[in-house]
Amino acid sequence: MALHERGVDFTWVEINPFAANVPKSYLDVHPFKRVPALVDGAFTVYETNAITRYVDEAFAGPTLQRTNARERARCNQILSIVDSYAYWPLVRQVFSHGVFRPRLRRRADDREIARGLAAASRILAALESIAAGRQFLCGDDLSLADIHLAPMIGYFVLNSQGRALVDRHPRLGNWWLGMSQRAAYLATMPRLAPASGPGEAGG
């Protein structure tokens, strides 16, 4: 999303970090066997925060980091919340067990969904309380906070209970309505295959 928003041309290479045979060439870039990583000529960098800040600072385009001290602090606070608390319950618990696994006819754990929803409730409430209440999380301009949170919310709301939880928070709900329609989000969000049979949808 950061590359799209900055108008940077790039080549996307799909890597499955959970595969048994991750190419050595990728492990040379990211020794911890995770995604994403960015290669810009002879320069390589991994870790999402480092990548998006580099994209914002190394290429021309609309700035994604705030210059106002308070807006910048709020943006960094949201980035930390997303990285430290949001990813596991929203994506690895609610989305993975409530949507992804059922669509692949894999075993899902309803207890994981319940734990994820419980944790998500506190996370969304915290984000609701500090969101700017305008078009974007930190004010009137798009920032890295929006770019980091949007994909996680995008996965989370594919679960009906996750969607209902987001809708209970008016600031986040209005923010998500706008973010989910942005060209950069639509261009980068993976398209999931439909459920393969009755009862496959999570919840």
N, C-alpha and C. Protein backbone atom coordinates (compact mmCIF):
# COMPACT_ATOMS: atom_id res chain seq x y z
N MET A 1 0.82 -1.20 0.00
CA MET A 1 0.00 0.00 0.00
C MET A 1 0.86 1.26 0.00
N ALA A 2 1.95 1.24 0.78
CA ALA A 2 2.83 2.41 0.81
C ALA A 2 3.41 2.70 -0.57
N LEU A 3 3.86 1.66 -1.26
CA LEU A 3 4.41 1.83 -2.61
C LEU A 3 3.35 2.37 -3.56
N HIS A 4 2.13 1.83 -3.48
CA HIS A 4 1.04 2.31 -4.32
C HIS A 4 0.74 3.77 -4.03
N GLU A 5 0.62 4.12 -2.75
CA GLU A 5 0.26 5.49 -2.39
C GLU A 5 1.35 6.48 -2.81
N ARG A 6 2.59 6.05 -2.83
CA ARG A 6 3.69 6.92 -3.25
C ARG A 6 3.89 6.92 -4.76
N GLY A 7 3.17 6.04 -5.46
CA GLY A 7 3.28 5.98 -6.91
C GLY A 7 4.58 5.36 -7.39
N VAL A 8 5.10 4.39 -6.61
CA VAL A 8 6.38 3.74 -6.95
C VAL A 8 6.11 2.44 -7.72
N ASP A 9 6.74 2.29 -8.87
CA ASP A 9 6.64 1.03 -9.60
C ASP A 9 7.45 -0.05 -8.88
N PHE A 10 6.90 -1.25 -8.82
CA PHE A 10 7.62 -2.32 -8.14
C PHE A 10 7.18 -3.67 -8.70
N THR A 11 7.98 -4.68 -8.43
CA THR A 11 7.66 -6.05 -8.81
C THR A 11 7.36 -6.83 -7.54
N TRP A 12 6.21 -7.49 -7.51
CA TRP A 12 5.80 -8.27 -6.34
C TRP A 12 6.22 -9.72 -6.53
N VAL A 13 6.90 -10.28 -5.53
CA VAL A 13 7.30 -11.68 -5.56
C VAL A 13 6.63 -12.37 -4.38
N GLU A 14 5.80 -13.35 -4.65
CA GLU A 14 5.06 -14.05 -3.59
C GLU A 14 5.96 -15.09 -2.91
N ILE A 15 6.02 -15.02 -1.58
CA ILE A 15 6.79 -15.97 -0.79
C ILE A 15 5.89 -16.53 0.30
N ASN A 16 5.90 -17.85 0.45
CA ASN A 16 5.17 -18.49 1.55
C ASN A 16 6.16 -18.79 2.66
N PRO A 17 6.15 -17.99 3.74
CA PRO A 17 7.16 -18.18 4.80
C PRO A 17 6.95 -19.46 5.59
N PHE A 18 5.79 -20.10 5.42
CA PHE A 18 5.50 -21.33 6.16
C PHE A 18 5.88 -22.58 5.37
N ALA A 19 6.31 -22.39 4.13
CA ALA A 19 6.68 -23.53 3.30
C ALA A 19 7.97 -24.17 3.81
N ALA A 20 8.09 -25.46 3.55
CA ALA A 20 9.29 -26.17 3.99
C ALA A 20 10.51 -25.81 3.14
N ASN A 21 10.27 -25.36 1.93
CA ASN A 21 11.37 -25.11 0.99
C ASN A 21 11.44 -23.63 0.58
N VAL A 22 11.47 -22.73 1.55
CA VAL A 22 11.65 -21.32 1.24
C VAL A 22 12.99 -21.15 0.53
N PRO A 23 13.01 -20.47 -0.62
CA PRO A 23 14.27 -20.36 -1.37
C PRO A 23 15.39 -19.73 -0.54
N LYS A 24 16.60 -20.26 -0.71
CA LYS A 24 17.75 -19.72 0.01
C LYS A 24 17.97 -18.26 -0.36
N SER A 25 17.66 -17.90 -1.58
CA SER A 25 17.83 -16.51 -2.01
C SER A 25 16.99 -15.58 -1.16
N TYR A 26 15.79 -16.06 -0.73
CA TYR A 26 14.96 -15.21 0.13
C TYR A 26 15.49 -15.21 1.56
N LEU A 27 15.96 -16.35 2.02
CA LEU A 27 16.52 -16.41 3.38
C LEU A 27 17.76 -15.54 3.51
N ASP A 28 18.45 -15.32 2.40
CA ASP A 28 19.59 -14.41 2.42
C ASP A 28 19.13 -12.96 2.63
N VAL A 29 17.90 -12.68 2.20
CA VAL A 29 17.32 -11.35 2.39
C VAL A 29 16.71 -11.22 3.77
N HIS A 30 15.98 -12.25 4.19
CA HIS A 30 15.27 -12.22 5.48
C HIS A 30 15.62 -13.49 6.26
N PRO A 31 16.62 -13.45 7.11
CA PRO A 31 17.10 -14.66 7.80
C PRO A 31 16.11 -15.23 8.81
N PHE A 32 15.07 -14.45 9.17
CA PHE A 32 14.09 -14.95 10.14
C PHE A 32 12.90 -15.63 9.46
N LYS A 33 12.96 -15.77 8.12
CA LYS A 33 11.96 -16.53 7.36
C LYS A 33 10.55 -15.98 7.57
N ARG A 34 10.43 -14.68 7.40
CA ARG A 34 9.14 -14.01 7.50
C ARG A 34 8.97 -13.09 6.29
N VAL A 35 7.82 -12.48 6.18
CA VAL A 35 7.54 -11.49 5.15
C VAL A 35 6.99 -10.24 5.84
N PRO A 36 7.15 -9.07 5.21
CA PRO A 36 7.73 -8.80 3.88
C PRO A 36 9.20 -8.44 3.96
N ALA A 37 9.78 -8.29 2.78
CA ALA A 37 11.12 -7.74 2.62
C ALA A 37 11.12 -6.89 1.36
N LEU A 38 11.99 -5.91 1.32
CA LEU A 38 12.08 -5.01 0.16
C LEU A 38 13.50 -5.02 -0.37
N VAL A 39 13.63 -5.15 -1.69
CA VAL A 39 14.93 -5.08 -2.35
C VAL A 39 14.90 -3.88 -3.29
N ASP A 40 15.77 -2.93 -3.04
CA ASP A 40 15.88 -1.73 -3.87
C ASP A 40 17.31 -1.62 -4.36
N GLY A 41 17.57 -2.20 -5.54
CA GLY A 41 18.93 -2.25 -6.05
C GLY A 41 19.78 -3.13 -5.15
N ALA A 42 20.88 -2.58 -4.66
CA ALA A 42 21.77 -3.34 -3.78
C ALA A 42 21.34 -3.27 -2.32
N PHE A 43 20.28 -2.52 -2.05
CA PHE A 43 19.83 -2.32 -0.67
C PHE A 43 18.66 -3.23 -0.37
N THR A 44 18.72 -3.97 0.75
CA THR A 44 17.61 -4.81 1.19
C THR A 44 17.23 -4.43 2.61
N VAL A 45 15.94 -4.53 2.91
CA VAL A 45 15.46 -4.20 4.25
C VAL A 45 14.24 -5.06 4.55
N TYR A 46 14.14 -5.56 5.77
CA TYR A 46 12.94 -6.28 6.19
C TYR A 46 12.43 -5.67 7.48
N GLU A 47 11.26 -6.08 7.92
CA GLU A 47 10.45 -5.52 9.00
C GLU A 47 9.57 -4.40 8.42
N THR A 48 8.27 -4.56 8.59
CA THR A 48 7.29 -3.67 7.95
C THR A 48 7.53 -2.21 8.29
N ASN A 49 7.76 -1.90 9.56
CA ASN A 49 7.96 -0.50 9.94
C ASN A 49 9.16 0.10 9.22
N ALA A 50 10.23 -0.65 9.14
CA ALA A 50 11.43 -0.15 8.46
C ALA A 50 11.17 0.04 6.97
N ILE A 51 10.45 -0.91 6.37
CA ILE A 51 10.16 -0.84 4.94
C ILE A 51 9.30 0.37 4.61
N THR A 52 8.20 0.55 5.34
CA THR A 52 7.29 1.64 4.98
C THR A 52 7.92 3.01 5.23
N ARG A 53 8.72 3.14 6.29
CA ARG A 53 9.42 4.40 6.51
C ARG A 53 10.45 4.66 5.41
N TYR A 54 11.13 3.61 4.97
CA TYR A 54 12.08 3.77 3.87
C TYR A 54 11.36 4.20 2.60
N VAL A 55 10.26 3.55 2.29
CA VAL A 55 9.48 3.91 1.10
C VAL A 55 9.07 5.38 1.16
N ASP A 56 8.65 5.82 2.35
CA ASP A 56 8.20 7.20 2.50
C ASP A 56 9.34 8.20 2.35
N GLU A 57 10.54 7.81 2.73
CA GLU A 57 11.66 8.74 2.73
C GLU A 57 12.54 8.64 1.49
N ALA A 58 12.51 7.51 0.80
CA ALA A 58 13.44 7.30 -0.31
C ALA A 58 12.86 7.65 -1.67
N PHE A 59 11.53 7.74 -1.76
CA PHE A 59 10.89 7.98 -3.06
C PHE A 59 10.03 9.23 -3.01
N ALA A 60 9.80 9.81 -4.17
CA ALA A 60 8.95 10.98 -4.26
C ALA A 60 7.48 10.57 -4.11
N GLY A 61 6.66 11.53 -3.69
CA GLY A 61 5.23 11.24 -3.55
C GLY A 61 4.69 11.86 -2.27
N PRO A 62 3.39 11.71 -2.05
CA PRO A 62 2.77 12.28 -0.85
C PRO A 62 3.38 11.67 0.41
N THR A 63 3.75 12.52 1.36
CA THR A 63 4.40 12.03 2.58
C THR A 63 3.42 11.24 3.43
N LEU A 64 3.91 10.17 4.02
CA LEU A 64 3.08 9.29 4.85
C LEU A 64 3.42 9.39 6.33
N GLN A 65 4.38 10.24 6.68
CA GLN A 65 4.73 10.46 8.07
C GLN A 65 4.41 11.91 8.42
N ARG A 66 3.77 12.08 9.54
CA ARG A 66 3.33 13.42 9.94
C ARG A 66 4.52 14.26 10.41
N THR A 67 4.44 15.57 10.18
CA THR A 67 5.47 16.48 10.65
C THR A 67 5.07 17.16 11.96
N ASN A 68 3.77 17.29 12.19
CA ASN A 68 3.30 17.82 13.46
C ASN A 68 3.64 16.84 14.58
N ALA A 69 4.23 17.33 15.67
CA ALA A 69 4.74 16.44 16.72
C ALA A 69 3.65 15.56 17.31
N ARG A 70 2.48 16.10 17.56
CA ARG A 70 1.42 15.32 18.19
C ARG A 70 0.83 14.30 17.22
N GLU A 71 0.66 14.70 15.97
CA GLU A 71 0.15 13.75 14.98
C GLU A 71 1.17 12.64 14.74
N ARG A 72 2.44 13.00 14.72
CA ARG A 72 3.49 11.99 14.52
C ARG A 72 3.53 11.02 15.70
N ALA A 73 3.39 11.54 16.92
CA ALA A 73 3.36 10.67 18.10
C ALA A 73 2.15 9.75 18.06
N ARG A 74 1.00 10.28 17.64
CA ARG A 74 -0.20 9.45 17.56
C ARG A 74 -0.03 8.36 16.50
N CYS A 75 0.54 8.73 15.38
CA CYS A 75 0.80 7.75 14.33
C CYS A 75 1.70 6.64 14.84
N ASN A 76 2.79 7.01 15.52
CA ASN A 76 3.72 6.01 16.04
C ASN A 76 3.06 5.16 17.12
N GLN A 77 2.19 5.76 17.91
CA GLN A 77 1.47 5.00 18.93
C GLN A 77 0.59 3.93 18.27
N ILE A 78 -0.13 4.32 17.23
CA ILE A 78 -1.00 3.36 16.54
C ILE A 78 -0.18 2.26 15.88
N LEU A 79 0.95 2.62 15.28
CA LEU A 79 1.82 1.60 14.69
C LEU A 79 2.25 0.59 15.75
N SER A 80 2.58 1.07 16.92
CA SER A 80 3.01 0.17 17.99
C SER A 80 1.86 -0.72 18.46
N ILE A 81 0.66 -0.16 18.57
CA ILE A 81 -0.51 -0.96 18.95
C ILE A 81 -0.76 -2.06 17.93
N VAL A 82 -0.69 -1.68 16.66
CA VAL A 82 -0.94 -2.65 15.58
C VAL A 82 0.08 -3.79 15.64
N ASP A 83 1.35 -3.45 15.79
CA ASP A 83 2.40 -4.47 15.79
C ASP A 83 2.39 -5.32 17.07
N SER A 84 2.15 -4.67 18.20
CA SER A 84 2.29 -5.37 19.48
C SER A 84 1.05 -6.14 19.90
N TYR A 85 -0.13 -5.63 19.55
CA TYR A 85 -1.36 -6.21 20.10
C TYR A 85 -2.38 -6.67 19.07
N ALA A 86 -2.40 -6.08 17.87
CA ALA A 86 -3.52 -6.32 16.95
C ALA A 86 -3.34 -7.53 16.04
N TYR A 87 -2.13 -7.75 15.55
CA TYR A 87 -1.96 -8.75 14.50
C TYR A 87 -2.43 -10.15 14.92
N TRP A 88 -2.00 -10.60 16.09
CA TRP A 88 -2.31 -11.97 16.46
C TRP A 88 -3.82 -12.21 16.61
N PRO A 89 -4.55 -11.43 17.41
CA PRO A 89 -5.99 -11.72 17.54
C PRO A 89 -6.79 -11.46 16.28
N LEU A 90 -6.50 -10.37 15.57
CA LEU A 90 -7.31 -10.03 14.40
C LEU A 90 -7.06 -10.98 13.23
N VAL A 91 -5.79 -11.31 13.01
CA VAL A 91 -5.44 -12.09 11.82
C VAL A 91 -5.23 -13.57 12.14
N ARG A 92 -4.34 -13.86 13.09
CA ARG A 92 -3.99 -15.25 13.33
C ARG A 92 -5.08 -16.03 14.07
N GLN A 93 -5.92 -15.33 14.81
CA GLN A 93 -6.99 -16.02 15.53
C GLN A 93 -8.33 -15.90 14.80
N VAL A 94 -8.87 -14.68 14.69
CA VAL A 94 -10.21 -14.52 14.12
C VAL A 94 -10.23 -14.83 12.63
N PHE A 95 -9.33 -14.23 11.86
CA PHE A 95 -9.34 -14.49 10.42
C PHE A 95 -8.92 -15.91 10.10
N SER A 96 -7.80 -16.35 10.67
CA SER A 96 -7.28 -17.66 10.33
C SER A 96 -8.27 -18.77 10.66
N HIS A 97 -8.81 -18.73 11.90
CA HIS A 97 -9.70 -19.81 12.32
C HIS A 97 -11.15 -19.57 11.89
N GLY A 98 -11.54 -18.32 11.71
CA GLY A 98 -12.92 -18.04 11.36
C GLY A 98 -13.21 -17.95 9.88
N VAL A 99 -12.15 -17.77 9.07
CA VAL A 99 -12.36 -17.58 7.62
C VAL A 99 -11.43 -18.46 6.80
N PHE A 100 -10.13 -18.30 6.99
CA PHE A 100 -9.16 -18.93 6.11
C PHE A 100 -9.18 -20.45 6.20
N ARG A 101 -9.08 -20.99 7.40
CA ARG A 101 -9.06 -22.45 7.54
C ARG A 101 -10.34 -23.10 7.05
N PRO A 102 -11.51 -22.59 7.41
CA PRO A 102 -12.73 -23.22 6.89
C PRO A 102 -12.80 -23.23 5.36
N ARG A 103 -12.31 -22.17 4.72
CA ARG A 103 -12.37 -22.13 3.25
C ARG A 103 -11.46 -23.17 2.62
N LEU A 104 -10.43 -23.56 3.34
CA LEU A 104 -9.53 -24.60 2.84
C LEU A 104 -9.88 -25.98 3.39
N ARG A 105 -11.03 -26.06 4.08
CA ARG A 105 -11.46 -27.30 4.72
C ARG A 105 -10.43 -27.82 5.72
N ARG A 106 -9.82 -26.89 6.42
CA ARG A 106 -8.89 -27.25 7.48
C ARG A 106 -9.57 -27.08 8.83
N ARG A 107 -9.06 -27.79 9.81
CA ARG A 107 -9.64 -27.71 11.14
C ARG A 107 -9.47 -26.32 11.73
N ALA A 108 -10.55 -25.75 12.23
CA ALA A 108 -10.52 -24.45 12.90
C ALA A 108 -10.89 -24.64 14.36
N ASP A 109 -10.40 -23.76 15.20
CA ASP A 109 -10.63 -23.85 16.63
C ASP A 109 -11.52 -22.69 17.07
N ASP A 110 -12.76 -22.99 17.45
CA ASP A 110 -13.69 -21.94 17.88
C ASP A 110 -13.19 -21.21 19.11
N ARG A 111 -12.38 -21.88 19.91
CA ARG A 111 -11.84 -21.22 21.11
C ARG A 111 -10.85 -20.13 20.72
N GLU A 112 -10.11 -20.35 19.65
CA GLU A 112 -9.19 -19.32 19.18
C GLU A 112 -9.96 -18.11 18.66
N ILE A 113 -11.06 -18.35 17.96
CA ILE A 113 -11.89 -17.25 17.48
C ILE A 113 -12.40 -16.44 18.66
N ALA A 114 -12.90 -17.13 19.67
CA ALA A 114 -13.45 -16.44 20.85
C ALA A 114 -12.37 -15.62 21.56
N ARG A 115 -11.17 -16.19 21.68
CA ARG A 115 -10.08 -15.46 22.32
C ARG A 115 -9.70 -14.23 21.49
N GLY A 116 -9.66 -14.42 20.20
CA GLY A 116 -9.30 -13.31 19.33
C GLY A 116 -10.32 -12.19 19.39
N LEU A 117 -11.60 -12.53 19.40
CA LEU A 117 -12.64 -11.51 19.49
C LEU A 117 -12.59 -10.77 20.81
N ALA A 118 -12.31 -11.49 21.88
CA ALA A 118 -12.22 -10.86 23.20
C ALA A 118 -11.06 -9.86 23.23
N ALA A 119 -9.91 -10.26 22.70
CA ALA A 119 -8.77 -9.36 22.66
C ALA A 119 -9.02 -8.19 21.71
N ALA A 120 -9.66 -8.48 20.59
CA ALA A 120 -9.94 -7.44 19.59
C ALA A 120 -10.85 -6.36 20.15
N SER A 121 -11.76 -6.74 21.01
CA SER A 121 -12.68 -5.76 21.58
C SER A 121 -11.91 -4.66 22.32
N ARG A 122 -10.92 -5.04 23.09
CA ARG A 122 -10.12 -4.05 23.83
C ARG A 122 -9.25 -3.25 22.88
N ILE A 123 -8.69 -3.90 21.87
CA ILE A 123 -7.83 -3.22 20.91
C ILE A 123 -8.61 -2.17 20.13
N LEU A 124 -9.78 -2.54 19.64
CA LEU A 124 -10.59 -1.61 18.86
C LEU A 124 -11.08 -0.45 19.72
N ALA A 125 -11.41 -0.73 20.97
CA ALA A 125 -11.83 0.34 21.87
C ALA A 125 -10.69 1.33 22.09
N ALA A 126 -9.48 0.82 22.25
CA ALA A 126 -8.32 1.69 22.43
C ALA A 126 -8.08 2.55 21.18
N LEU A 127 -8.17 1.93 20.01
CA LEU A 127 -7.98 2.68 18.77
C LEU A 127 -9.09 3.71 18.56
N GLU A 128 -10.31 3.33 18.91
CA GLU A 128 -11.44 4.26 18.79
C GLU A 128 -11.21 5.51 19.64
N SER A 129 -10.64 5.32 20.82
CA SER A 129 -10.47 6.44 21.75
C SER A 129 -9.39 7.42 21.30
N ILE A 130 -8.44 6.96 20.48
CA ILE A 130 -7.36 7.85 20.06
C ILE A 130 -7.43 8.24 18.59
N ALA A 131 -8.35 7.64 17.83
CA ALA A 131 -8.50 8.00 16.42
C ALA A 131 -8.95 9.46 16.31
N ALA A 132 -8.49 10.13 15.27
CA ALA A 132 -8.77 11.56 15.12
C ALA A 132 -10.25 11.84 14.89
N GLY A 133 -10.98 10.85 14.38
CA GLY A 133 -12.39 11.08 14.09
C GLY A 133 -12.61 11.83 12.79
N ARG A 134 -11.55 11.92 11.99
CA ARG A 134 -11.67 12.56 10.68
C ARG A 134 -11.47 11.49 9.61
N GLN A 135 -11.05 11.88 8.42
CA GLN A 135 -10.96 10.90 7.34
C GLN A 135 -9.94 9.81 7.62
N PHE A 136 -8.85 10.20 8.30
CA PHE A 136 -7.78 9.25 8.58
C PHE A 136 -7.51 9.19 10.08
N LEU A 137 -6.77 8.17 10.51
CA LEU A 137 -6.60 7.91 11.93
C LEU A 137 -5.90 9.04 12.66
N CYS A 138 -4.97 9.72 11.98
CA CYS A 138 -4.18 10.75 12.65
C CYS A 138 -4.50 12.17 12.18
N GLY A 139 -5.57 12.34 11.44
CA GLY A 139 -5.93 13.68 10.99
C GLY A 139 -6.53 13.67 9.61
N ASP A 140 -6.22 14.71 8.84
CA ASP A 140 -6.83 14.89 7.52
C ASP A 140 -6.02 14.27 6.39
N ASP A 141 -4.85 13.72 6.69
CA ASP A 141 -4.00 13.15 5.65
C ASP A 141 -3.67 11.69 5.96
N LEU A 142 -3.56 10.91 4.90
CA LEU A 142 -3.17 9.50 5.04
C LEU A 142 -1.81 9.39 5.70
N SER A 143 -1.65 8.41 6.57
CA SER A 143 -0.36 8.19 7.23
C SER A 143 -0.04 6.71 7.26
N LEU A 144 1.15 6.39 7.75
CA LEU A 144 1.54 5.00 7.89
C LEU A 144 0.62 4.25 8.84
N ALA A 145 0.02 4.94 9.80
CA ALA A 145 -0.91 4.29 10.72
C ALA A 145 -2.08 3.67 9.94
N ASP A 146 -2.63 4.41 8.99
CA ASP A 146 -3.73 3.89 8.18
C ASP A 146 -3.29 2.70 7.34
N ILE A 147 -2.09 2.80 6.78
CA ILE A 147 -1.59 1.75 5.90
C ILE A 147 -1.29 0.47 6.66
N HIS A 148 -0.81 0.59 7.88
CA HIS A 148 -0.50 -0.61 8.66
C HIS A 148 -1.75 -1.29 9.20
N LEU A 149 -2.75 -0.50 9.61
CA LEU A 149 -3.94 -1.10 10.20
C LEU A 149 -4.91 -1.64 9.17
N ALA A 150 -5.03 -0.99 8.02
CA ALA A 150 -6.06 -1.36 7.05
C ALA A 150 -6.04 -2.83 6.63
N PRO A 151 -4.89 -3.42 6.29
CA PRO A 151 -4.93 -4.83 5.88
C PRO A 151 -5.40 -5.76 7.00
N MET A 152 -5.05 -5.46 8.24
CA MET A 152 -5.48 -6.31 9.35
C MET A 152 -6.99 -6.22 9.55
N ILE A 153 -7.53 -5.00 9.47
CA ILE A 153 -8.98 -4.84 9.58
C ILE A 153 -9.65 -5.52 8.38
N GLY A 154 -9.03 -5.42 7.22
CA GLY A 154 -9.59 -6.06 6.03
C GLY A 154 -9.77 -7.55 6.19
N TYR A 155 -8.81 -8.21 6.81
CA TYR A 155 -8.94 -9.64 7.10
C TYR A 155 -9.96 -9.88 8.21
N PHE A 156 -9.90 -9.07 9.24
CA PHE A 156 -10.75 -9.24 10.42
C PHE A 156 -12.23 -9.16 10.08
N VAL A 157 -12.61 -8.22 9.22
CA VAL A 157 -14.04 -8.02 8.92
C VAL A 157 -14.60 -9.08 7.97
N LEU A 158 -13.74 -9.94 7.43
CA LEU A 158 -14.26 -11.05 6.63
C LEU A 158 -14.99 -12.06 7.51
N ASN A 159 -14.73 -11.99 8.81
CA ASN A 159 -15.49 -12.76 9.78
C ASN A 159 -16.68 -11.90 10.22
N SER A 160 -17.87 -12.45 10.22
CA SER A 160 -19.07 -11.66 10.51
C SER A 160 -19.04 -11.04 11.90
N GLN A 161 -18.50 -11.77 12.87
CA GLN A 161 -18.43 -11.22 14.22
C GLN A 161 -17.38 -10.10 14.29
N GLY A 162 -16.30 -10.26 13.52
CA GLY A 162 -15.31 -9.20 13.46
C GLY A 162 -15.90 -7.95 12.84
N ARG A 163 -16.67 -8.11 11.77
CA ARG A 163 -17.31 -6.97 11.12
C ARG A 163 -18.25 -6.25 12.08
N ALA A 164 -19.04 -7.02 12.81
CA ALA A 164 -19.97 -6.43 13.77
C ALA A 164 -19.23 -5.65 14.85
N LEU A 165 -18.07 -6.17 15.26
CA LEU A 165 -17.29 -5.51 16.30
C LEU A 165 -16.75 -4.17 15.81
N VAL A 166 -16.25 -4.13 14.58
CA VAL A 166 -15.77 -2.88 14.02
C VAL A 166 -16.91 -1.88 13.90
N ASP A 167 -18.07 -2.34 13.48
CA ASP A 167 -19.21 -1.45 13.28
C ASP A 167 -19.71 -0.81 14.58
N ARG A 168 -19.34 -1.40 15.71
CA ARG A 168 -19.75 -0.82 16.99
C ARG A 168 -18.91 0.40 17.37
N HIS A 169 -17.86 0.66 16.61
CA HIS A 169 -16.97 1.79 16.90
C HIS A 169 -17.10 2.80 15.76
N PRO A 170 -17.85 3.89 15.97
CA PRO A 170 -18.18 4.79 14.87
C PRO A 170 -16.99 5.42 14.17
N ARG A 171 -15.98 5.84 14.92
CA ARG A 171 -14.82 6.44 14.27
C ARG A 171 -14.09 5.43 13.39
N LEU A 172 -13.86 4.25 13.94
CA LEU A 172 -13.18 3.21 13.17
C LEU A 172 -14.04 2.74 12.00
N GLY A 173 -15.35 2.63 12.23
CA GLY A 173 -16.24 2.20 11.16
C GLY A 173 -16.23 3.16 9.99
N ASN A 174 -16.28 4.45 10.27
CA ASN A 174 -16.25 5.45 9.20
C ASN A 174 -14.89 5.47 8.52
N TRP A 175 -13.83 5.35 9.32
CA TRP A 175 -12.48 5.29 8.74
C TRP A 175 -12.36 4.08 7.82
N TRP A 176 -12.84 2.92 8.27
CA TRP A 176 -12.72 1.71 7.48
C TRP A 176 -13.52 1.81 6.18
N LEU A 177 -14.68 2.44 6.23
CA LEU A 177 -15.48 2.61 5.02
C LEU A 177 -14.68 3.33 3.94
N GLY A 178 -13.97 4.37 4.34
CA GLY A 178 -13.15 5.09 3.37
C GLY A 178 -11.92 4.32 2.94
N MET A 179 -11.21 3.72 3.88
CA MET A 179 -9.98 3.00 3.55
C MET A 179 -10.26 1.81 2.65
N SER A 180 -11.35 1.11 2.89
CA SER A 180 -11.66 -0.10 2.11
C SER A 180 -11.98 0.21 0.66
N GLN A 181 -12.17 1.49 0.34
CA GLN A 181 -12.48 1.87 -1.04
C GLN A 181 -11.31 2.54 -1.75
N ARG A 182 -10.19 2.70 -1.03
CA ARG A 182 -9.03 3.34 -1.65
C ARG A 182 -8.40 2.42 -2.70
N ALA A 183 -7.93 3.04 -3.78
CA ALA A 183 -7.35 2.26 -4.88
C ALA A 183 -6.17 1.42 -4.40
N ALA A 184 -5.32 1.98 -3.53
CA ALA A 184 -4.15 1.25 -3.06
C ALA A 184 -4.55 0.03 -2.26
N TYR A 185 -5.59 0.15 -1.45
CA TYR A 185 -6.06 -1.00 -0.67
C TYR A 185 -6.63 -2.07 -1.60
N LEU A 186 -7.47 -1.66 -2.53
CA LEU A 186 -8.10 -2.62 -3.44
C LEU A 186 -7.07 -3.32 -4.32
N ALA A 187 -6.01 -2.61 -4.67
CA ALA A 187 -4.99 -3.19 -5.55
C ALA A 187 -4.08 -4.17 -4.82
N THR A 188 -3.99 -4.08 -3.50
CA THR A 188 -3.01 -4.89 -2.77
C THR A 188 -3.63 -5.95 -1.87
N MET A 189 -4.93 -5.89 -1.63
CA MET A 189 -5.54 -6.88 -0.76
C MET A 189 -5.74 -8.18 -1.52
N PRO A 190 -5.20 -9.29 -1.02
CA PRO A 190 -5.37 -10.57 -1.73
C PRO A 190 -6.83 -10.96 -1.86
N ARG A 191 -7.15 -11.57 -2.98
CA ARG A 191 -8.52 -12.06 -3.20
C ARG A 191 -8.60 -13.50 -2.73
N LEU A 192 -9.51 -13.76 -1.81
CA LEU A 192 -9.67 -15.12 -1.29
C LEU A 192 -10.64 -15.90 -2.15
N ALA A 193 -10.34 -17.18 -2.32
CA ALA A 193 -11.26 -18.05 -3.04
C ALA A 193 -12.53 -18.21 -2.23
N PRO A 194 -13.68 -18.35 -2.88
CA PRO A 194 -14.92 -18.54 -2.14
C PRO A 194 -14.91 -19.86 -1.37
N ALA A 195 -15.76 -19.92 -0.36
CA ALA A 195 -15.88 -21.15 0.41
C ALA A 195 -16.25 -22.30 -0.50
N SER A 196 -15.71 -23.48 -0.19
CA SER A 196 -15.87 -24.61 -1.08
C SER A 196 -17.13 -25.42 -0.85
N GLY A 197 -17.90 -25.06 0.14
CA GLY A 197 -19.12 -25.82 0.36
C GLY A 197 -19.93 -25.26 1.50
N PRO A 198 -21.15 -25.79 1.75
CA PRO A 198 -21.99 -25.29 2.83
C PRO A 198 -21.26 -25.40 4.17
N GLY A 199 -21.49 -24.38 5.00
CA GLY A 199 -20.91 -24.40 6.32
C GLY A 199 -19.45 -24.01 6.37
N GLU A 200 -18.91 -23.53 5.23
CA GLU A 200 -17.49 -23.21 5.19
C GLU A 200 -17.18 -21.82 5.75
N ALA A 201 -18.16 -20.95 5.76
CA ALA A 201 -17.90 -19.60 6.24
C ALA A 201 -17.65 -19.62 7.74
N GLY A 202 -16.70 -18.77 8.17
CA GLY A 202 -16.37 -18.73 9.58
C GLY A 202 -17.34 -17.88 10.37
N GLY A 203 -17.22 -17.91 11.70
CA GLY A 203 -18.06 -17.09 12.55
C GLY A 203 -18.07 -17.66 13.91
